[in-house]
Amino acid sequence: MNWYVLYVKSQTEKKTATALERMGLEVFCPTKTEVRQWSDRKKKVKVPLFKSYVFVRLSEEERQQVFVVHSVVRYLFWLGKPAVVRDEELETVKKWLADELVEEVQVRQFSPGDRVEIKGGVFKGQSAVVDQTGSRKVRLILKHLGVIVEASYRDLVS
């Protein structure tokens, strides 16, 4: 039996994995924990590590039965054949997820004109001025480089 990669409808990864498990199939849908903020609260939520993908272990003869689940779109193909994932590769993902430390992201409101330091990415260590803020990203002006960039809030230190 091999591990195959299923492409599923967007944001149905966990539901699809549950439905396939109920059918008696071996399924792997790796998830990570993220801190999400709404206007009134913060919450830790589990989100799929690979968006729109679920791994399923079955024999070649059983491959068609996954399409009973309506959110399954198709198999991922490689060189004209369904992509097969080695056990070692999935074990590596499982070990990596077991070691994952959930990083608490300190969320703070930024306003245009605030001075910040970029703590991640290509511009790590650079100072910038907030130009615009959005729900997930902030636009920054790096005056000494003469560029405007977008960054996620977690990449900033005020």
C-alpha atoms as a PDB file:
ATOM      1  CA  MET A   1       0.000   0.000   0.000  1.00  0.00           C
ATOM      2  CA  ASN A   2       1.213   3.481  -0.887  1.00  0.00           C
ATOM      3  CA  TRP A   3       0.581   6.992   0.395  1.00  0.00           C
ATOM      4  CA  TYR A   4      -1.124   9.143  -2.241  1.00  0.00           C
ATOM      5  CA  VAL A   5      -1.784  12.878  -2.245  1.00  0.00           C
ATOM      6  CA  LEU A   6      -5.379  14.024  -2.659  1.00  0.00           C
ATOM      7  CA  TYR A   7      -6.227  17.503  -3.841  1.00  0.00           C
ATOM      8  CA  VAL A   8      -9.394  18.604  -1.993  1.00  0.00           C
ATOM      9  CA  LYS A   9     -11.679  21.630  -2.055  1.00  0.00           C
ATOM     10  CA  SER A  10     -10.331  24.681  -0.273  1.00  0.00           C
ATOM     11  CA  GLN A  11     -10.810  24.763   3.516  1.00  0.00           C
ATOM     12  CA  THR A  12     -12.215  21.207   3.661  1.00  0.00           C
ATOM     13  CA  GLU A  13      -8.984  19.400   4.534  1.00  0.00           C
ATOM     14  CA  LYS A  14      -9.945  18.363   8.084  1.00  0.00           C
ATOM     15  CA  LYS A  15     -13.542  17.432   7.159  1.00  0.00           C
ATOM     16  CA  THR A  16     -12.319  15.390   4.204  1.00  0.00           C
ATOM     17  CA  ALA A  17      -9.788  13.562   6.379  1.00  0.00           C
ATOM     18  CA  THR A  18     -12.507  12.740   8.925  1.00  0.00           C
ATOM     19  CA  ALA A  19     -14.864  11.444   6.214  1.00  0.00           C
ATOM     20  CA  LEU A  20     -12.115   9.248   4.734  1.00  0.00           C
ATOM     21  CA  GLU A  21     -11.243   7.880   8.194  1.00  0.00           C
ATOM     22  CA  ARG A  22     -14.911   6.948   8.714  1.00  0.00           C
ATOM     23  CA  MET A  23     -14.625   4.888   5.522  1.00  0.00           C
ATOM     24  CA  GLY A  24     -11.835   2.913   7.213  1.00  0.00           C
ATOM     25  CA  LEU A  25      -8.943   4.458   5.275  1.00  0.00           C
ATOM     26  CA  GLU A  26      -5.618   5.502   6.742  1.00  0.00           C
ATOM     27  CA  VAL A  27      -5.399   9.285   6.417  1.00  0.00           C
ATOM     28  CA  PHE A  28      -2.836  11.927   7.340  1.00  0.00           C
ATOM     29  CA  CYS A  29      -3.817  15.596   7.418  1.00  0.00           C
ATOM     30  CA  PRO A  30      -0.979  17.449   9.178  1.00  0.00           C
ATOM     31  CA  THR A  31      -2.033  20.563  11.070  1.00  0.00           C
ATOM     32  CA  LYS A  32      -0.267  23.403  12.838  1.00  0.00           C
ATOM     33  CA  THR A  33      -1.533  25.701  15.577  1.00  0.00           C
ATOM     34  CA  GLU A  34      -1.876  29.401  14.835  1.00  0.00           C
ATOM     35  CA  VAL A  35      -3.027  32.270  16.974  1.00  0.00           C
ATOM     36  CA  ARG A  36      -5.826  34.159  15.236  1.00  0.00           C
ATOM     37  CA  GLN A  37      -7.169  37.483  16.409  1.00  0.00           C
ATOM     38  CA  TRP A  38     -10.661  38.781  15.974  1.00  0.00           C
ATOM     39  CA  SER A  39     -11.817  42.206  17.097  1.00  0.00           C
ATOM     40  CA  ASP A  40     -12.897  40.853  20.496  1.00  0.00           C
ATOM     41  CA  ARG A  41     -10.572  37.912  21.208  1.00  0.00           C
ATOM     42  CA  LYS A  42      -7.537  35.813  20.348  1.00  0.00           C
ATOM     43  CA  LYS A  43      -7.841  32.089  19.776  1.00  0.00           C
ATOM     44  CA  LYS A  44      -5.531  29.183  18.954  1.00  0.00           C
ATOM     45  CA  VAL A  45      -6.806  27.286  15.926  1.00  0.00           C
ATOM     46  CA  LYS A  46      -5.508  24.218  14.105  1.00  0.00           C
ATOM     47  CA  VAL A  47      -5.003  24.846  10.405  1.00  0.00           C
ATOM     48  CA  PRO A  48      -3.773  22.449   7.717  1.00  0.00           C
ATOM     49  CA  LEU A  49      -0.038  22.487   7.098  1.00  0.00           C
ATOM     50  CA  PHE A  50      -0.603  21.907   3.372  1.00  0.00           C
ATOM     51  CA  LYS A  51      -3.601  23.826   2.083  1.00  0.00           C
ATOM     52  CA  SER A  52      -5.944  21.736  -0.114  1.00  0.00           C
ATOM     53  CA  TYR A  53      -3.947  18.505   0.333  1.00  0.00           C
ATOM     54  CA  VAL A  54      -4.649  15.326   2.311  1.00  0.00           C
ATOM     55  CA  PHE A  55      -2.536  12.148   2.329  1.00  0.00           C
ATOM     56  CA  VAL A  56      -4.267   8.775   2.084  1.00  0.00           C
ATOM     57  CA  ARG A  57      -2.768   5.282   2.294  1.00  0.00           C
ATOM     58  CA  LEU A  58      -4.397   2.611   0.155  1.00  0.00           C
ATOM     59  CA  SER A  59      -3.773   0.052  -2.546  1.00  0.00           C
ATOM     60  CA  GLU A  60      -3.901   0.764  -6.267  1.00  0.00           C
ATOM     61  CA  GLU A  61      -7.237  -1.089  -6.530  1.00  0.00           C
ATOM     62  CA  GLU A  62      -8.849   1.053  -3.797  1.00  0.00           C
ATOM     63  CA  ARG A  63      -7.930   4.422  -5.316  1.00  0.00           C
ATOM     64  CA  GLN A  64     -11.374   5.157  -6.796  1.00  0.00           C
ATOM     65  CA  GLN A  65     -13.287   4.826  -3.519  1.00  0.00           C
ATOM     66  CA  VAL A  66     -12.050   8.203  -2.201  1.00  0.00           C
ATOM     67  CA  PHE A  67     -14.308   9.998  -4.698  1.00  0.00           C
ATOM     68  CA  VAL A  68     -17.342   9.044  -2.596  1.00  0.00           C
ATOM     69  CA  VAL A  69     -16.357  12.049  -0.470  1.00  0.00           C
ATOM     70  CA  HIS A  70     -17.621  15.083  -2.388  1.00  0.00           C
ATOM     71  CA  SER A  71     -14.801  17.398  -1.317  1.00  0.00           C
ATOM     72  CA  VAL A  72     -12.150  15.201  -2.992  1.00  0.00           C
ATOM     73  CA  VAL A  73     -11.254  16.809  -6.323  1.00  0.00           C
ATOM     74  CA  ARG A  74      -8.495  14.586  -7.716  1.00  0.00           C
ATOM     75  CA  TYR A  75      -5.196  12.876  -7.060  1.00  0.00           C
ATOM     76  CA  LEU A  76      -1.968  14.829  -7.409  1.00  0.00           C
ATOM     77  CA  PHE A  77      -0.009  13.483 -10.386  1.00  0.00           C
ATOM     78  CA  TRP A  78       3.734  13.363 -11.038  1.00  0.00           C
ATOM     79  CA  LEU A  79       5.098  12.387 -14.462  1.00  0.00           C
ATOM     80  CA  GLY A  80       1.682  11.165 -15.584  1.00  0.00           C
ATOM     81  CA  LYS A  81       1.118   8.868 -12.588  1.00  0.00           C
ATOM     82  CA  PRO A  82      -0.495   9.472  -9.190  1.00  0.00           C
ATOM     83  CA  ALA A  83       2.139  10.942  -6.886  1.00  0.00           C
ATOM     84  CA  VAL A  84       3.353   8.460  -4.274  1.00  0.00           C
ATOM     85  CA  VAL A  85       4.842   9.745  -1.015  1.00  0.00           C
ATOM     86  CA  ARG A  86       7.398   7.589   0.800  1.00  0.00           C
ATOM     87  CA  ASP A  87       6.780   6.618   4.430  1.00  0.00           C
ATOM     88  CA  GLU A  88      10.054   8.296   5.447  1.00  0.00           C
ATOM     89  CA  GLU A  89       8.884  11.626   4.080  1.00  0.00           C
ATOM     90  CA  LEU A  90       5.650  11.570   6.091  1.00  0.00           C
ATOM     91  CA  GLU A  91       7.554  10.421   9.186  1.00  0.00           C
ATOM     92  CA  THR A  92       9.790  13.469   8.795  1.00  0.00           C
ATOM     93  CA  VAL A  93       6.733  15.734   8.706  1.00  0.00           C
ATOM     94  CA  LYS A  94       5.292  13.998  11.797  1.00  0.00           C
ATOM     95  CA  LYS A  95       8.564  14.418  13.721  1.00  0.00           C
ATOM     96  CA  TRP A  96       8.777  18.058  12.718  1.00  0.00           C
ATOM     97  CA  LEU A  97       5.213  18.672  13.900  1.00  0.00           C
ATOM     98  CA  ALA A  98       5.871  16.853  17.189  1.00  0.00           C
ATOM     99  CA  ASP A  99       8.757  19.248  17.879  1.00  0.00           C
ATOM    100  CA  GLU A 100       6.734  22.305  16.896  1.00  0.00           C
ATOM    101  CA  LEU A 101       6.592  24.957  19.550  1.00  0.00           C
ATOM    102  CA  VAL A 102       3.604  27.229  19.345  1.00  0.00           C
ATOM    103  CA  GLU A 103       4.964  30.729  19.229  1.00  0.00           C
ATOM    104  CA  GLU A 104       2.785  33.229  21.029  1.00  0.00           C
ATOM    105  CA  VAL A 105       2.454  36.191  18.775  1.00  0.00           C
ATOM    106  CA  GLN A 106       2.059  39.421  20.647  1.00  0.00           C
ATOM    107  CA  VAL A 107      -0.491  41.350  18.652  1.00  0.00           C
ATOM    108  CA  ARG A 108      -0.414  45.099  18.904  1.00  0.00           C
ATOM    109  CA  GLN A 109      -2.041  47.797  16.896  1.00  0.00           C
ATOM    110  CA  PHE A 110       0.278  49.743  14.648  1.00  0.00           C
ATOM    111  CA  SER A 111      -0.565  53.167  13.300  1.00  0.00           C
ATOM    112  CA  PRO A 112       0.819  55.065  10.327  1.00  0.00           C
ATOM    113  CA  GLY A 113       3.986  56.863  11.386  1.00  0.00           C
ATOM    114  CA  ASP A 114       5.061  54.248  13.993  1.00  0.00           C
ATOM    115  CA  ARG A 115       8.719  53.284  13.887  1.00  0.00           C
ATOM    116  CA  VAL A 116       9.332  49.524  13.877  1.00  0.00           C
ATOM    117  CA  GLU A 117      12.164  47.058  13.412  1.00  0.00           C
ATOM    118  CA  ILE A 118      11.726  44.100  11.089  1.00  0.00           C
ATOM    119  CA  LYS A 119      12.577  40.877  12.944  1.00  0.00           C
ATOM    120  CA  GLY A 120      12.134  38.343  10.121  1.00  0.00           C
ATOM    121  CA  GLY A 121      12.515  37.888   6.389  1.00  0.00           C
ATOM    122  CA  VAL A 122      14.855  39.470   3.861  1.00  0.00           C
ATOM    123  CA  PHE A 123      14.857  42.860   5.609  1.00  0.00           C
ATOM    124  CA  LYS A 124      15.553  41.458   9.085  1.00  0.00           C
ATOM    125  CA  GLY A 125      17.160  44.047  11.358  1.00  0.00           C
ATOM    126  CA  GLN A 126      16.081  47.018   9.238  1.00  0.00           C
ATOM    127  CA  SER A 127      14.121  49.894  10.756  1.00  0.00           C
ATOM    128  CA  ALA A 128      11.019  51.150   8.989  1.00  0.00           C
ATOM    129  CA  VAL A 129       8.048  53.477   9.308  1.00  0.00           C
ATOM    130  CA  VAL A 130       4.481  52.144   9.133  1.00  0.00           C
ATOM    131  CA  ASP A 131       2.699  53.532   6.057  1.00  0.00           C
ATOM    132  CA  GLN A 132      -0.588  51.579   6.057  1.00  0.00           C
ATOM    133  CA  THR A 133      -2.086  48.802   8.154  1.00  0.00           C
ATOM    134  CA  GLY A 134      -4.380  45.962   7.108  1.00  0.00           C
ATOM    135  CA  SER A 135      -6.003  43.016   8.814  1.00  0.00           C
ATOM    136  CA  ARG A 136      -3.047  40.681   8.145  1.00  0.00           C
ATOM    137  CA  LYS A 137      -0.249  42.792   6.735  1.00  0.00           C
ATOM    138  CA  VAL A 138       1.323  46.172   7.206  1.00  0.00           C
ATOM    139  CA  ARG A 139       2.944  48.353   4.541  1.00  0.00           C
ATOM    140  CA  LEU A 140       6.327  49.747   5.573  1.00  0.00           C
ATOM    141  CA  ILE A 141       8.608  52.444   4.237  1.00  0.00           C
ATOM    142  CA  LEU A 142      12.323  51.700   4.432  1.00  0.00           C
ATOM    143  CA  LYS A 143      13.607  55.239   3.879  1.00  0.00           C
ATOM    144  CA  HIS A 144      17.323  54.438   3.855  1.00  0.00           C
ATOM    145  CA  LEU A 145      16.752  51.865   1.061  1.00  0.00           C
ATOM    146  CA  GLY A 146      14.108  53.917  -0.728  1.00  0.00           C
ATOM    147  CA  VAL A 147      11.577  51.049  -0.883  1.00  0.00           C
ATOM    148  CA  ILE A 148       8.092  50.214   0.319  1.00  0.00           C
ATOM    149  CA  VAL A 149       7.442  46.617   1.462  1.00  0.00           C
ATOM    150  CA  GLU A 150       4.619  44.572   2.953  1.00  0.00           C
ATOM    151  CA  ALA A 151       5.187  42.438   6.038  1.00  0.00           C
ATOM    152  CA  SER A 152       3.115  40.316   8.388  1.00  0.00           C
ATOM    153  CA  TYR A 153       2.623  41.639  11.900  1.00  0.00           C
ATOM    154  CA  ARG A 154       4.622  38.801  13.425  1.00  0.00           C
ATOM    155  CA  ASP A 155       7.746  40.042  11.584  1.00  0.00           C
ATOM    156  CA  LEU A 156       7.749  43.383  13.431  1.00  0.00           C
ATOM    157  CA  VAL A 157       9.080  44.736  16.720  1.00  0.00           C
ATOM    158  CA  SER A 158       7.923  48.136  17.867  1.00  0.00           C
END
